[in-house]
Protein backbone atom coordinates (compact mmCIF):
# COMPACT_ATOMS: atom_id res chain seq x y z
CA MET A 1 0.00 0.00 0.00
CA SER A 2 1.35 3.41 -0.93
CA GLY A 3 -0.26 6.78 -0.93
CA GLU A 4 0.30 10.34 -2.01
CA THR A 5 1.65 12.53 0.79
CA ARG A 6 0.97 16.25 0.66
CA PHE A 7 1.98 18.94 3.10
CA LEU A 8 -0.64 21.44 4.17
CA PRO A 9 0.73 24.87 5.11
CA LEU A 10 -1.37 26.26 7.95
CA GLU A 11 -1.02 29.67 9.54
CA MET A 12 -1.67 29.38 13.28
CA PRO A 13 -0.49 32.62 14.93
CA GLY A 14 0.87 32.19 18.43
CA LEU A 15 0.87 28.39 18.31
CA GLY A 16 2.85 27.11 21.26
CA GLY A 17 3.25 30.64 22.61
CA LYS A 18 6.69 31.03 21.01
CA PRO A 19 8.04 32.84 17.94
CA GLY A 20 8.18 30.61 14.89
CA HIS A 21 5.37 28.36 16.07
CA GLY A 22 2.76 30.16 13.98
CA GLU A 23 3.51 28.29 10.77
CA LEU A 24 2.85 24.59 10.40
CA SER A 25 3.48 22.18 7.57
CA LEU A 26 1.31 19.15 8.29
CA GLY A 27 1.79 15.89 6.45
CA VAL A 28 -1.36 14.31 5.03
CA THR A 29 -1.28 10.98 3.20
CA PHE A 30 -4.07 10.20 0.74
CA THR A 31 -4.36 6.54 -0.29
CA ARG A 32 -7.06 5.66 -2.78
CA PRO A 33 -8.68 2.28 -3.51
CA ALA A 34 -8.72 0.70 -6.94
CA PRO A 35 -11.05 2.67 -9.25
CA SER A 36 -13.33 -0.34 -9.67
CA ALA A 37 -13.85 -0.56 -5.91
CA ASP A 38 -14.07 3.16 -5.09
CA ARG A 39 -17.11 4.00 -2.94
CA HIS A 40 -16.40 7.73 -3.10
CA ALA A 41 -16.13 7.88 0.67
CA ALA A 42 -13.12 8.69 2.81
CA ILE A 43 -11.91 7.69 6.26
CA TYR A 44 -9.87 10.43 7.94
CA TYR A 45 -7.49 8.85 10.43
CA LEU A 46 -5.88 10.41 13.52
CA HIS A 47 -3.27 8.43 15.45
CA GLY A 48 -3.04 7.88 19.18
CA GLY A 49 -0.22 8.56 21.62
CA GLY A 50 -1.75 10.71 24.32
CA MET A 51 -1.19 13.79 22.11
CA LEU A 52 2.46 13.51 23.19
CA PHE A 53 3.76 11.08 20.57
CA GLY A 54 2.65 9.18 17.48
CA THR A 55 2.77 9.15 13.70
CA ARG A 56 0.08 9.31 11.04
CA ASP A 57 1.22 6.01 9.49
CA ASP A 58 0.86 3.89 12.63
CA LEU A 59 -2.25 2.00 11.48
CA PRO A 60 -1.25 -1.65 10.90
CA SER A 61 -1.03 -2.37 7.18
CA ASP A 62 -3.60 -5.19 7.38
CA TYR A 63 -6.25 -2.72 8.55
CA ALA A 64 -5.22 -0.02 6.08
CA ASP A 65 -5.41 -2.59 3.27
CA ALA A 66 -8.86 -3.68 4.45
CA ILE A 67 -10.06 -0.06 4.30
CA LEU A 68 -8.91 0.19 0.68
CA GLU A 69 -10.32 -3.20 -0.28
CA ARG A 70 -13.71 -2.06 0.98
CA GLY A 71 -13.51 0.91 -1.39
CA PHE A 72 -12.71 3.73 1.04
CA THR A 73 -10.03 6.35 0.56
CA LEU A 74 -7.74 6.52 3.59
CA VAL A 75 -6.57 9.98 4.66
CA ALA A 76 -4.02 10.02 7.50
CA LEU A 77 -3.27 13.37 9.08
CA ASP A 78 -0.50 14.79 11.26
CA TYR A 79 -1.25 17.13 14.13
CA PRO A 80 0.98 19.13 16.51
CA LEU A 81 1.98 17.44 19.75
CA ALA A 82 2.06 18.56 23.36
CA PRO A 83 3.65 19.96 25.42
CA GLN A 84 4.75 22.52 22.82
CA ALA A 85 1.13 22.73 21.64
CA SER A 86 -1.77 22.85 24.10
CA ILE A 87 -4.85 20.69 23.76
CA GLY A 88 -6.85 23.67 22.55
CA GLU A 89 -4.29 24.43 19.87
CA ILE A 90 -4.20 20.78 18.82
CA LEU A 91 -7.98 20.76 18.40
CA ASP A 92 -7.89 23.98 16.36
CA VAL A 93 -5.21 22.61 14.05
CA VAL A 94 -7.04 19.29 13.61
CA GLU A 95 -10.19 21.15 12.58
CA ARG A 96 -8.29 23.32 10.09
CA ALA A 97 -6.37 20.34 8.70
CA TYR A 98 -9.51 18.24 8.23
CA LEU A 99 -11.39 21.02 6.46
CA THR A 100 -8.44 21.69 4.17
CA ALA A 101 -7.95 17.99 3.37
CA ARG A 102 -11.69 17.59 2.80
CA GLU A 103 -11.56 20.26 0.08
CA ALA A 104 -9.00 18.16 -1.80
CA LEU A 105 -11.39 15.21 -2.14
CA PRO A 106 -14.67 15.02 -4.07
CA GLU A 107 -16.06 12.26 -1.84
CA SER A 108 -19.60 12.81 -0.63
CA SER A 109 -19.18 10.81 2.60
CA ALA A 110 -16.55 11.36 5.26
CA PHE A 111 -15.85 9.28 8.35
CA LEU A 112 -13.58 10.30 11.21
CA CYS A 113 -11.47 7.49 12.64
CA GLY A 114 -9.09 7.52 15.58
CA ARG A 115 -7.44 5.26 18.07
CA SER A 116 -7.03 6.29 21.72
CA ALA A 117 -6.16 10.02 21.83
CA GLY A 118 -6.87 10.14 18.10
CA ALA A 119 -10.40 8.98 18.85
CA TYR A 120 -10.73 11.79 21.40
CA LEU A 121 -9.73 14.30 18.73
CA CYS A 122 -12.21 12.74 16.28
CA LEU A 123 -15.10 12.92 18.74
CA MET A 124 -14.32 16.54 19.58
CA LEU A 125 -13.93 17.37 15.89
CA ALA A 126 -17.25 15.71 15.10
CA ARG A 127 -18.93 17.99 17.61
CA ARG A 128 -17.29 21.06 16.09
CA LEU A 129 -18.33 20.00 12.61
CA GLN A 130 -21.90 19.48 13.80
CA LEU A 131 -21.97 23.04 15.08
CA ARG A 132 -20.70 24.19 11.67
CA GLY A 133 -23.53 22.28 10.00
CA VAL A 134 -21.18 19.83 8.21
CA PRO A 135 -21.19 16.68 10.40
CA PRO A 136 -19.30 13.58 9.28
CA ALA A 137 -21.20 10.48 8.22
CA GLY A 138 -19.91 8.73 11.34
CA VAL A 139 -17.09 8.40 13.84
CA ILE A 140 -14.94 5.31 14.37
CA ASP A 141 -13.73 5.26 17.98
CA PHE A 142 -11.16 2.64 18.93
CA TYR A 143 -10.62 2.77 22.72
CA GLY A 144 -10.99 6.53 22.94
CA TYR A 145 -12.56 8.97 25.39
CA CYS A 146 -14.33 12.31 25.36
CA ASN A 147 -15.24 13.34 28.92
CA LEU A 148 -12.04 14.66 30.48
CA ALA A 149 -13.94 16.06 33.45
CA GLY A 150 -15.61 12.70 34.09
CA GLU A 151 -14.24 9.25 33.34
CA MET A 152 -10.79 10.60 32.36
CA ARG A 153 -10.24 13.01 35.23
CA ALA A 154 -8.13 10.66 37.36
CA ALA A 155 -6.05 9.48 34.40
CA LEU A 156 -5.14 13.07 33.54
CA LEU A 157 -4.49 14.43 37.03
CA GLN A 158 -3.39 11.51 39.22
CA PRO A 159 -0.41 9.12 39.08
CA SER A 160 -1.21 5.80 37.44
CA ILE A 161 -0.49 2.73 39.56
CA PHE A 162 -0.40 0.66 36.37
CA TYR A 163 2.33 2.79 34.79
CA ARG A 164 4.34 2.99 38.01
CA ARG A 165 4.30 -0.79 38.37
CA SER A 166 4.70 -1.70 34.69
CA TYR A 167 7.57 0.57 33.63
CA ALA A 168 10.84 1.79 35.09
CA LEU A 169 10.39 5.23 36.64
CA VAL A 170 11.15 8.05 34.20
CA THR A 171 12.98 10.94 35.88
CA PRO A 172 12.13 14.61 35.31
CA ARG A 173 15.52 15.08 33.66
CA VAL A 174 14.84 12.32 31.13
CA ALA A 175 11.33 13.67 30.55
CA ARG A 176 12.69 17.15 29.77
CA LYS A 177 15.14 15.65 27.30
CA LEU A 178 12.39 13.64 25.61
CA SER A 179 10.14 16.67 25.45
CA GLY A 180 12.73 18.94 23.88
CA VAL A 181 11.87 22.48 22.82
CA ASP A 182 10.80 22.12 19.18
CA LEU A 183 7.18 21.81 18.13
CA LEU A 184 6.68 18.34 16.64
CA CYS A 185 3.94 16.97 14.41
CA ASP A 186 5.43 13.48 14.22
CA ALA A 187 7.18 11.58 17.02
CA PRO A 188 7.55 7.78 16.79
CA LEU A 189 6.90 5.67 19.86
CA GLU A 190 10.58 4.92 20.36
CA ARG A 191 11.36 8.64 20.45
CA ARG A 192 8.74 9.91 22.89
CA PHE A 193 6.84 7.08 24.57
CA GLY A 194 8.94 7.66 27.67
CA LEU A 195 7.43 11.13 27.98
CA TYR A 196 3.95 9.61 28.07
CA VAL A 197 5.09 7.08 30.68
CA TYR A 198 6.45 9.96 32.78
CA ALA A 199 3.18 11.86 32.41
CA ARG A 200 1.16 8.88 33.62
CA GLN A 201 3.57 7.95 36.43
CA THR A 202 3.54 11.47 37.85
CA GLY A 203 -0.04 12.52 37.18
CA SER A 204 1.20 15.31 34.91
CA TRP A 205 -0.49 14.23 31.69
CA GLY A 206 -3.13 16.94 32.04
CA SER A 207 -0.62 19.68 32.77
CA LEU A 208 1.50 18.69 29.75
CA LEU A 209 -1.63 19.19 27.63
CA GLY A 210 -2.14 22.62 29.18
CA LEU A 211 -5.05 21.49 31.34
CA THR A 212 -5.99 22.12 34.95
CA ALA A 213 -8.75 20.65 37.08
CA ASP A 214 -10.81 23.78 36.34
CA THR A 215 -10.46 23.59 32.55
CA LEU A 216 -11.22 19.90 31.94
CA ALA A 217 -14.91 20.50 31.31
CA GLY A 218 -14.16 22.93 28.49
CA PHE A 219 -12.46 20.15 26.55
CA SER A 220 -15.07 17.49 27.26
CA LEU A 221 -18.30 16.22 25.80
CA ASP A 222 -20.91 15.76 28.49
CA ALA A 223 -23.79 13.28 28.29
CA ARG A 224 -25.97 15.68 26.34
CA ALA A 225 -23.30 16.40 23.73
CA GLN A 226 -22.50 12.69 23.47
CA GLY A 227 -26.17 12.03 22.74
CA GLU A 228 -26.09 14.46 19.82
CA LEU A 229 -23.04 13.00 18.07
CA PRO A 230 -23.27 11.43 14.59
CA PRO A 231 -23.43 7.61 14.37
CA LEU A 232 -20.59 5.96 16.28
CA PHE A 233 -18.70 2.70 16.06
CA ILE A 234 -17.03 2.07 19.44
CA ALA A 235 -14.42 -0.64 19.98
CA ALA A 236 -12.67 -1.32 23.29
CA SER A 237 -11.36 -4.04 25.57
CA ARG A 238 -12.87 -4.57 28.98
CA ASP A 239 -9.41 -5.13 30.51
CA ASP A 240 -7.97 -1.79 29.34
CA CYS A 241 -5.47 -0.57 31.99
CA ASP A 242 -4.64 2.66 30.16
CA VAL A 243 -7.93 4.32 29.22
CA PRO A 244 -10.68 3.08 31.54
CA PHE A 245 -13.21 0.89 29.70
CA GLN A 246 -15.96 2.94 31.33
CA ASN A 247 -15.21 5.70 28.80
CA SER A 248 -16.38 3.50 25.93
CA ALA A 249 -19.25 1.92 27.86
CA ARG A 250 -20.65 5.29 28.93
CA LEU A 251 -20.35 6.78 25.45
CA ALA A 252 -22.16 3.78 23.96
CA GLN A 253 -24.91 4.27 26.54
CA ASN A 254 -25.27 8.01 25.94
CA ALA A 255 -24.99 8.08 22.16
CA ARG A 256 -28.09 8.39 20.02
CA SER A 257 -26.73 5.88 17.50
CA ALA A 258 -23.84 3.63 18.52
CA THR A 259 -22.58 0.21 17.51
CA ALA A 260 -20.42 -1.22 20.29
CA HIS A 261 -17.78 -3.88 19.68
CA PHE A 262 -16.31 -4.86 23.03
CA VAL A 263 -13.78 -7.63 23.60
CA GLU A 264 -12.90 -9.33 26.87
CA SER A 265 -9.11 -9.07 26.74
CA GLY A 266 -6.20 -7.67 24.80
CA GLY A 267 -5.43 -4.53 26.74
CA HIS A 268 -5.70 -0.93 25.60
CA ASP A 269 -4.76 -1.23 21.92
CA PHE A 270 -6.18 -4.72 21.57
CA ASP A 271 -5.91 -4.49 17.76
CA ARG A 272 -2.14 -3.83 17.73
CA ASP A 273 -1.35 -7.39 16.63
CA SER A 274 -3.33 -8.19 13.49
CA ALA A 275 -2.34 -11.86 13.85
CA ARG A 276 -4.67 -12.13 16.84
CA PRO A 277 -8.35 -12.58 15.91
CA GLU A 278 -9.75 -9.72 18.00
CA GLY A 279 -8.27 -6.91 15.91
CA PRO A 280 -9.26 -8.09 12.43
CA ALA A 281 -12.74 -8.98 13.69
CA ALA A 282 -13.20 -5.48 15.09
CA TRP A 283 -12.05 -3.82 11.88
CA ARG A 284 -14.30 -6.04 9.75
CA ALA A 285 -17.26 -5.08 11.91
CA CYS A 286 -16.24 -1.44 11.74
CA LEU A 287 -16.03 -1.35 7.95
CA GLU A 288 -19.31 -3.24 7.55
CA TRP A 289 -20.91 -0.62 9.80
CA ALA A 290 -19.47 2.19 7.67
CA GLU A 291 -20.65 0.51 4.47
CA GLY A 292 -24.16 0.37 5.88
CA LEU A 293 -24.19 4.13 6.37
CA ILE A 294 -23.36 4.96 2.76
CA LEU A 295 -25.48 2.39 0.91
């Protein structure tokens, strides 16, 4: 699978609060299906990584290939990463990038798709697009979240026992080195995962995103907003030790139209290994759901 990568120049004055952070060049990869299979619909993908790390091409190739085989165009987008960009700035850039990328495609149907933090960005973007009067056809949420003031409050503001027990402690000095000073829009796991581990071990994830206990609600979707979202496909594992499963369960309960695909085990990113049956089964169900919305 290969796609066409374009770079979108975006003017974002004051981004990151430092000189030189007002201009962004975001990578966007467009990968089209075979003409005979083209459904004239696109899936816009945002990667996970806690908004601290990640790359737009992190979707396992088996799933990307399945998207194309089903006739969807796959559009994978970069976005700026914290702590150099705040969560509000990230959301603004994601909205601008999506709208710009959308103009480059003639497709009549658009789906937002994200994993983990990418799913959070997709859900928040869907709400913004609704308010603009241009909602997506649906949102694909793999083990994401949307209520920072509710189910995610502890994860953002309190140290994680799981991360303290599962990983060697990351020191503040190492965290500063991993963070660096430059604004990044692409940071592979091996380069910056340690910063996320530090954030979870110390309860500083929220502060690295520019959040405080008082501002969480402003970057959340409450039950009412969740109930007004476009159709959702929600996939998660009940044994998730990273993002509490309750995030997915509550969203499925509150949503007006939701298809839930829950598995019993596999951890947070239960689809990471496409050789295990849980991941491919979830993506098959997801794409069948999307097909049903555009028939």
